[in-house]
């Protein structure tokens, strides 16, 4: 059972990482990043890893991922707005 969970988590991580690299749409890239971080959370939980004062869980991995995803989407929206403004000039 442990091997199946490890293989599933590893596949989710690898597919998400490939999606981040190959996706042309920034929203799809950000969602792939979230998928990768969920796979990492599964691997941490499956290994019964202890970090951050012994707390193990998806929130410890996905909270920074959510913050990064939000920042990435905000930066992409700002860049798009600047490019549209430059085209109008």
C-alpha atoms as a PDB file:
ATOM      1  CA  UNK A   1       0.000   0.000   0.000  1.00  0.00           C
ATOM      2  CA  UNK A   2       2.815   2.394   0.868  1.00  0.00           C
ATOM      3  CA  UNK A   3       4.444   1.784  -2.496  1.00  0.00           C
ATOM      4  CA  UNK A   4       1.180   2.568  -4.324  1.00  0.00           C
ATOM      5  CA  UNK A   5       0.760   5.854  -2.416  1.00  0.00           C
ATOM      6  CA  UNK A   6       4.386   6.779  -3.119  1.00  0.00           C
ATOM      7  CA  UNK A   7       4.041   6.019  -6.836  1.00  0.00           C
ATOM      8  CA  UNK A   8       0.763   7.975  -7.056  1.00  0.00           C
ATOM      9  CA  UNK A   9       2.305  10.983  -5.274  1.00  0.00           C
ATOM     10  CA  UNK A  10       5.401  10.832  -7.467  1.00  0.00           C
ATOM     11  CA  UNK A  11       3.314  10.701 -10.645  1.00  0.00           C
ATOM     12  CA  UNK A  12       1.239  13.701  -9.503  1.00  0.00           C
ATOM     13  CA  UNK A  13       4.457  15.616  -8.748  1.00  0.00           C
ATOM     14  CA  UNK A  14       6.045  14.794 -12.090  1.00  0.00           C
ATOM     15  CA  UNK A  15       2.937  15.541 -14.162  1.00  0.00           C
ATOM     16  CA  UNK A  16       2.438  18.823 -12.329  1.00  0.00           C
ATOM     17  CA  UNK A  17       6.063  19.824 -12.870  1.00  0.00           C
ATOM     18  CA  UNK A  18       5.830  19.042 -16.580  1.00  0.00           C
ATOM     19  CA  UNK A  19       2.605  21.065 -16.721  1.00  0.00           C
ATOM     20  CA  UNK A  20       4.309  24.071 -15.113  1.00  0.00           C
ATOM     21  CA  UNK A  21       7.107  23.975 -17.662  1.00  0.00           C
ATOM     22  CA  UNK A  22       5.130  23.241 -20.816  1.00  0.00           C
ATOM     23  CA  UNK A  23       1.943  25.244 -20.258  1.00  0.00           C
ATOM     24  CA  UNK A  24       1.645  28.428 -22.289  1.00  0.00           C
ATOM     25  CA  UNK A  25      -1.329  29.694 -20.267  1.00  0.00           C
ATOM     26  CA  UNK A  26      -0.223  31.192 -16.928  1.00  0.00           C
ATOM     27  CA  UNK A  27      -3.413  30.039 -15.196  1.00  0.00           C
ATOM     28  CA  UNK A  28      -2.820  26.444 -16.281  1.00  0.00           C
ATOM     29  CA  UNK A  29       0.791  26.747 -15.156  1.00  0.00           C
ATOM     30  CA  UNK A  30      -0.312  27.981 -11.724  1.00  0.00           C
ATOM     31  CA  UNK A  31      -2.818  25.131 -11.387  1.00  0.00           C
ATOM     32  CA  UNK A  32      -0.103  22.660 -12.327  1.00  0.00           C
ATOM     33  CA  UNK A  33       2.059  24.158  -9.588  1.00  0.00           C
ATOM     34  CA  UNK A  34      -0.718  23.572  -7.069  1.00  0.00           C
ATOM     35  CA  UNK A  35      -0.984  19.968  -8.269  1.00  0.00           C
ATOM     36  CA  UNK A  36       2.741  19.515  -7.800  1.00  0.00           C
ATOM     37  CA  UNK A  37       2.570  20.857  -4.262  1.00  0.00           C
ATOM     38  CA  UNK A  38      -0.369  18.578  -3.446  1.00  0.00           C
ATOM     39  CA  UNK A  39       1.732  15.645  -4.641  1.00  0.00           C
ATOM     40  CA  UNK A  40       4.569  16.796  -2.380  1.00  0.00           C
ATOM     41  CA  UNK A  41       2.116  17.007   0.539  1.00  0.00           C
ATOM     42  CA  UNK A  42       1.007  13.426  -0.142  1.00  0.00           C
ATOM     43  CA  UNK A  43       4.625  12.291  -0.145  1.00  0.00           C
ATOM     44  CA  UNK A  44       5.334  14.085   3.146  1.00  0.00           C
ATOM     45  CA  UNK A  45       2.275  12.551   4.787  1.00  0.00           C
ATOM     46  CA  UNK A  46       3.074   9.088   3.412  1.00  0.00           C
ATOM     47  CA  UNK A  47       6.597   9.307   4.842  1.00  0.00           C
ATOM     48  CA  UNK A  48       5.207  10.481   8.193  1.00  0.00           C
ATOM     49  CA  UNK A  49       7.716  13.317   8.036  1.00  0.00           C
ATOM     50  CA  UNK A  50       7.985  15.731  10.927  1.00  0.00           C
ATOM     51  CA  UNK A  51       8.679  19.381  10.326  1.00  0.00           C
ATOM     52  CA  UNK A  52       7.510  22.698  11.747  1.00  0.00           C
ATOM     53  CA  UNK A  53       7.258  21.653  15.370  1.00  0.00           C
ATOM     54  CA  UNK A  54       6.104  18.144  14.446  1.00  0.00           C
ATOM     55  CA  UNK A  55       3.081  19.208  12.414  1.00  0.00           C
ATOM     56  CA  UNK A  56       2.636  17.286   9.182  1.00  0.00           C
ATOM     57  CA  UNK A  57      -0.073  18.106   6.702  1.00  0.00           C
ATOM     58  CA  UNK A  58      -1.025  19.541   3.389  1.00  0.00           C
ATOM     59  CA  UNK A  59      -1.425  23.046   4.829  1.00  0.00           C
ATOM     60  CA  UNK A  60       2.300  23.277   5.551  1.00  0.00           C
ATOM     61  CA  UNK A  61       3.074  22.617   1.888  1.00  0.00           C
ATOM     62  CA  UNK A  62       0.085  24.156   0.128  1.00  0.00           C
ATOM     63  CA  UNK A  63      -0.082  27.472   1.998  1.00  0.00           C
ATOM     64  CA  UNK A  64       3.173  28.741   0.425  1.00  0.00           C
ATOM     65  CA  UNK A  65       2.041  27.247  -2.890  1.00  0.00           C
ATOM     66  CA  UNK A  66      -1.221  29.174  -2.761  1.00  0.00           C
ATOM     67  CA  UNK A  67       0.628  32.375  -1.954  1.00  0.00           C
ATOM     68  CA  UNK A  68       3.016  31.829  -4.859  1.00  0.00           C
ATOM     69  CA  UNK A  69       0.150  31.007  -7.218  1.00  0.00           C
ATOM     70  CA  UNK A  70      -1.718  34.171  -6.243  1.00  0.00           C
ATOM     71  CA  UNK A  71       1.400  36.290  -6.687  1.00  0.00           C
ATOM     72  CA  UNK A  72       2.106  34.721 -10.077  1.00  0.00           C
ATOM     73  CA  UNK A  73      -1.423  35.390 -11.337  1.00  0.00           C
ATOM     74  CA  UNK A  74      -1.350  38.971 -10.025  1.00  0.00           C
ATOM     75  CA  UNK A  75       1.983  39.612 -11.749  1.00  0.00           C
ATOM     76  CA  UNK A  76       0.656  38.156 -15.012  1.00  0.00           C
ATOM     77  CA  UNK A  77      -2.457  40.353 -14.820  1.00  0.00           C
ATOM     78  CA  UNK A  78      -0.318  43.440 -14.141  1.00  0.00           C
ATOM     79  CA  UNK A  79       2.004  42.620 -17.034  1.00  0.00           C
ATOM     80  CA  UNK A  80      -0.987  42.155 -19.338  1.00  0.00           C
ATOM     81  CA  UNK A  81      -2.411  45.531 -18.275  1.00  0.00           C
ATOM     82  CA  UNK A  82       0.940  47.243 -18.928  1.00  0.00           C
ATOM     83  CA  UNK A  83       1.259  45.640 -22.368  1.00  0.00           C
ATOM     84  CA  UNK A  84      -2.274  46.711 -23.303  1.00  0.00           C
ATOM     85  CA  UNK A  85      -1.519  50.273 -22.151  1.00  0.00           C
ATOM     86  CA  UNK A  86       1.688  50.343 -24.208  1.00  0.00           C
ATOM     87  CA  UNK A  87      -0.156  49.143 -27.307  1.00  0.00           C
ATOM     88  CA  UNK A  88      -2.674  51.994 -26.948  1.00  0.00           C
ATOM     89  CA  UNK A  89       0.063  54.649 -26.984  1.00  0.00           C
END
